[in-house]
Amino acid sequence: MPSYSEMATKGMMANSSFGRGASRQAIAKYISGVLGKDCNNGALRRALTAGIASGLFEFGKTKSRFVATSAGKKAVAPKKK
C-alpha cells in the first residue's frame, strides 16, 4: 500500500493545472476517486507538511496549493530493473 506522500505526489502531478499546483481538496478527491482509497484528511495534512519540510513538495501559486518537486517526482517514479 502506498504512503500518503506517494499518493499526494501522484495527485499533484495529475491535478497541477498550469503550474499553479493542486489544492489539498483536489489531492484528496484524486486519492478517493482514482486510487479507490478512503482519504484520511489528517494523515494527508501530515504528509503534505512533512513533504514541504523534506523538500519533496513546495507551495504552488498560493500557500494552499502544492507542487511536487523533481525530487518528489523521482520518489514515485517506477524503479528500473
N, C-alpha and C. Protein backbone atom coordinates (compact mmCIF):
# COMPACT_ATOMS: atom_id res chain seq x y z
N MET A 1 0.85 -1.18 0.00
CA MET A 1 0.00 0.00 0.00
C MET A 1 0.89 1.24 0.00
N PRO A 2 0.66 2.17 -0.93
CA PRO A 2 1.50 3.36 -1.00
C PRO A 2 1.24 4.30 0.19
N SER A 3 2.26 5.07 0.52
CA SER A 3 2.13 6.02 1.61
C SER A 3 1.33 7.25 1.14
N TYR A 4 0.91 8.05 2.09
CA TYR A 4 0.14 9.24 1.73
C TYR A 4 0.99 10.23 0.94
N SER A 5 2.29 10.29 1.21
CA SER A 5 3.13 11.21 0.44
C SER A 5 3.23 10.76 -1.01
N GLU A 6 3.29 9.45 -1.25
CA GLU A 6 3.32 8.95 -2.63
C GLU A 6 2.00 9.23 -3.33
N MET A 7 0.90 8.97 -2.64
CA MET A 7 -0.41 9.22 -3.23
C MET A 7 -0.62 10.71 -3.48
N ALA A 8 -0.13 11.56 -2.56
CA ALA A 8 -0.26 13.01 -2.73
C ALA A 8 0.57 13.48 -3.92
N THR A 9 1.75 12.91 -4.11
CA THR A 9 2.59 13.28 -5.25
C THR A 9 1.89 12.94 -6.55
N LYS A 10 1.30 11.75 -6.62
CA LYS A 10 0.57 11.36 -7.83
C LYS A 10 -0.62 12.30 -8.06
N GLY A 11 -1.30 12.68 -6.99
CA GLY A 11 -2.41 13.60 -7.11
C GLY A 11 -1.98 14.98 -7.59
N MET A 12 -0.83 15.44 -7.11
CA MET A 12 -0.31 16.74 -7.55
C MET A 12 0.05 16.70 -9.03
N MET A 13 0.68 15.62 -9.46
CA MET A 13 1.09 15.51 -10.85
C MET A 13 -0.14 15.42 -11.77
N ALA A 14 -1.23 14.84 -11.29
CA ALA A 14 -2.44 14.71 -12.10
C ALA A 14 -3.26 15.99 -12.11
N ASN A 15 -3.24 16.77 -11.02
CA ASN A 15 -4.13 17.93 -10.88
C ASN A 15 -3.43 19.28 -10.97
N SER A 16 -2.14 19.31 -11.15
CA SER A 16 -1.42 20.58 -11.15
C SER A 16 -1.71 21.32 -12.45
N SER A 17 -2.65 22.24 -12.40
CA SER A 17 -3.07 22.92 -13.62
C SER A 17 -2.23 24.16 -13.88
N PHE A 18 -1.54 24.15 -15.00
CA PHE A 18 -0.75 25.29 -15.47
C PHE A 18 0.28 25.77 -14.45
N GLY A 19 0.86 24.86 -13.70
CA GLY A 19 1.92 25.21 -12.77
C GLY A 19 1.47 25.88 -11.49
N ARG A 20 0.15 26.01 -11.32
CA ARG A 20 -0.34 26.67 -10.10
C ARG A 20 -0.30 25.75 -8.91
N GLY A 21 -0.32 24.45 -9.13
CA GLY A 21 -0.33 23.49 -8.04
C GLY A 21 -1.72 22.93 -7.82
N ALA A 22 -1.79 21.94 -6.95
CA ALA A 22 -3.06 21.28 -6.64
C ALA A 22 -3.42 21.56 -5.19
N SER A 23 -4.68 21.79 -4.94
CA SER A 23 -5.13 22.06 -3.58
C SER A 23 -5.26 20.75 -2.80
N ARG A 24 -5.32 20.85 -1.49
CA ARG A 24 -5.46 19.66 -0.64
C ARG A 24 -6.76 18.94 -0.96
N GLN A 25 -7.82 19.70 -1.23
CA GLN A 25 -9.10 19.10 -1.55
C GLN A 25 -9.03 18.32 -2.86
N ALA A 26 -8.32 18.86 -3.85
CA ALA A 26 -8.19 18.18 -5.14
C ALA A 26 -7.36 16.91 -4.99
N ILE A 27 -6.33 16.95 -4.15
CA ILE A 27 -5.50 15.77 -3.91
C ILE A 27 -6.32 14.70 -3.21
N ALA A 28 -7.13 15.10 -2.22
CA ALA A 28 -7.98 14.14 -1.50
C ALA A 28 -9.01 13.52 -2.45
N LYS A 29 -9.56 14.31 -3.35
CA LYS A 29 -10.53 13.80 -4.32
C LYS A 29 -9.86 12.80 -5.26
N TYR A 30 -8.62 13.07 -5.66
CA TYR A 30 -7.88 12.15 -6.52
C TYR A 30 -7.63 10.82 -5.80
N ILE A 31 -7.22 10.90 -4.54
CA ILE A 31 -6.95 9.68 -3.76
C ILE A 31 -8.22 8.85 -3.62
N SER A 32 -9.33 9.50 -3.33
CA SER A 32 -10.60 8.78 -3.15
C SER A 32 -11.13 8.23 -4.47
N GLY A 33 -11.08 9.03 -5.52
CA GLY A 33 -11.69 8.65 -6.78
C GLY A 33 -10.85 7.71 -7.61
N VAL A 34 -9.65 8.13 -7.95
CA VAL A 34 -8.82 7.38 -8.87
C VAL A 34 -8.15 6.18 -8.20
N LEU A 35 -7.59 6.41 -7.02
CA LEU A 35 -6.89 5.32 -6.34
C LEU A 35 -7.83 4.41 -5.57
N GLY A 36 -9.08 4.84 -5.37
CA GLY A 36 -10.08 4.00 -4.73
C GLY A 36 -9.81 3.72 -3.26
N LYS A 37 -9.23 4.68 -2.56
CA LYS A 37 -8.92 4.52 -1.15
C LYS A 37 -9.58 5.65 -0.38
N ASP A 38 -10.17 5.35 0.77
CA ASP A 38 -10.71 6.42 1.61
C ASP A 38 -9.57 7.32 2.06
N CYS A 39 -9.77 8.61 1.95
CA CYS A 39 -8.71 9.56 2.29
C CYS A 39 -8.89 10.04 3.73
N ASN A 40 -7.89 9.80 4.55
CA ASN A 40 -7.85 10.32 5.91
C ASN A 40 -7.23 11.71 5.84
N ASN A 41 -8.04 12.75 6.07
CA ASN A 41 -7.57 14.12 5.89
C ASN A 41 -6.44 14.50 6.84
N GLY A 42 -6.46 13.97 8.06
CA GLY A 42 -5.38 14.26 9.00
C GLY A 42 -4.06 13.69 8.52
N ALA A 43 -4.09 12.47 8.02
CA ALA A 43 -2.86 11.85 7.51
C ALA A 43 -2.37 12.57 6.26
N LEU A 44 -3.28 13.03 5.42
CA LEU A 44 -2.89 13.77 4.22
C LEU A 44 -2.24 15.09 4.60
N ARG A 45 -2.81 15.81 5.56
CA ARG A 45 -2.21 17.08 6.01
C ARG A 45 -0.82 16.86 6.58
N ARG A 46 -0.65 15.79 7.39
CA ARG A 46 0.68 15.50 7.95
C ARG A 46 1.67 15.15 6.84
N ALA A 47 1.24 14.41 5.84
CA ALA A 47 2.12 14.05 4.72
C ALA A 47 2.52 15.29 3.93
N LEU A 48 1.58 16.21 3.71
CA LEU A 48 1.91 17.44 2.99
C LEU A 48 2.88 18.31 3.78
N THR A 49 2.67 18.41 5.09
CA THR A 49 3.57 19.20 5.93
C THR A 49 4.97 18.60 5.96
N ALA A 50 5.04 17.27 6.10
CA ALA A 50 6.34 16.60 6.12
C ALA A 50 7.03 16.70 4.76
N GLY A 51 6.25 16.63 3.68
CA GLY A 51 6.82 16.75 2.34
C GLY A 51 7.38 18.14 2.07
N ILE A 52 6.72 19.16 2.58
CA ILE A 52 7.23 20.53 2.45
C ILE A 52 8.55 20.65 3.22
N ALA A 53 8.59 20.09 4.43
CA ALA A 53 9.80 20.19 5.25
C ALA A 53 10.97 19.43 4.64
N SER A 54 10.69 18.29 4.00
CA SER A 54 11.77 17.47 3.45
C SER A 54 12.16 17.86 2.03
N GLY A 55 11.39 18.73 1.40
CA GLY A 55 11.74 19.19 0.06
C GLY A 55 11.10 18.38 -1.06
N LEU A 56 10.21 17.45 -0.74
CA LEU A 56 9.52 16.69 -1.78
C LEU A 56 8.44 17.52 -2.46
N PHE A 57 7.84 18.44 -1.70
CA PHE A 57 6.79 19.31 -2.22
C PHE A 57 7.19 20.75 -1.98
N GLU A 58 6.58 21.64 -2.71
CA GLU A 58 6.71 23.07 -2.44
C GLU A 58 5.35 23.71 -2.65
N PHE A 59 5.21 24.91 -2.13
CA PHE A 59 3.95 25.61 -2.30
C PHE A 59 3.79 26.05 -3.75
N GLY A 60 2.57 26.04 -4.23
CA GLY A 60 2.28 26.48 -5.59
C GLY A 60 2.09 27.98 -5.63
N LYS A 61 1.09 28.40 -6.38
CA LYS A 61 0.84 29.84 -6.53
C LYS A 61 0.45 30.48 -5.21
N THR A 62 -0.26 29.73 -4.36
CA THR A 62 -0.63 30.23 -3.04
C THR A 62 -0.17 29.21 -2.00
N LYS A 63 -0.32 29.55 -0.73
CA LYS A 63 0.08 28.65 0.34
C LYS A 63 -0.86 27.46 0.49
N SER A 64 -2.01 27.48 -0.19
CA SER A 64 -2.95 26.37 -0.09
C SER A 64 -2.87 25.44 -1.30
N ARG A 65 -1.86 25.64 -2.15
CA ARG A 65 -1.64 24.77 -3.31
C ARG A 65 -0.25 24.15 -3.18
N PHE A 66 -0.13 22.95 -3.71
CA PHE A 66 1.12 22.21 -3.57
C PHE A 66 1.58 21.70 -4.93
N VAL A 67 2.91 21.69 -5.12
CA VAL A 67 3.54 21.22 -6.35
C VAL A 67 4.62 20.23 -5.96
N ALA A 68 4.72 19.13 -6.70
CA ALA A 68 5.77 18.15 -6.46
C ALA A 68 7.07 18.65 -7.08
N THR A 69 8.16 18.59 -6.32
CA THR A 69 9.46 18.98 -6.85
C THR A 69 10.03 17.83 -7.67
N SER A 70 11.18 18.05 -8.28
CA SER A 70 11.79 16.98 -9.07
C SER A 70 12.19 15.81 -8.18
N ALA A 71 12.59 16.09 -6.94
CA ALA A 71 12.91 15.01 -6.00
C ALA A 71 11.67 14.20 -5.64
N GLY A 72 10.54 14.86 -5.51
CA GLY A 72 9.29 14.17 -5.22
C GLY A 72 8.83 13.31 -6.38
N LYS A 73 9.03 13.80 -7.61
CA LYS A 73 8.64 13.03 -8.79
C LYS A 73 9.52 11.80 -8.94
N LYS A 74 10.82 11.95 -8.61
CA LYS A 74 11.72 10.80 -8.69
C LYS A 74 11.37 9.74 -7.67
N ALA A 75 10.82 10.15 -6.52
CA ALA A 75 10.49 9.21 -5.45
C ALA A 75 9.35 8.28 -5.85
N VAL A 76 8.45 8.73 -6.71
CA VAL A 76 7.33 7.88 -7.12
C VAL A 76 7.53 7.27 -8.50
N ALA A 77 8.64 7.59 -9.16
CA ALA A 77 8.89 7.01 -10.47
C ALA A 77 9.13 5.51 -10.34
N PRO A 78 8.67 4.72 -11.30
CA PRO A 78 8.89 3.28 -11.21
C PRO A 78 10.38 2.95 -11.29
N LYS A 79 10.79 1.99 -10.49
CA LYS A 79 12.19 1.59 -10.44
C LYS A 79 12.55 0.81 -11.70
N LYS A 80 13.72 1.11 -12.26
CA LYS A 80 14.18 0.37 -13.44
C LYS A 80 14.84 -0.92 -12.98
N LYS A 81 14.57 -1.97 -13.71
CA LYS A 81 15.14 -3.27 -13.32
C LYS A 81 16.45 -3.52 -14.01
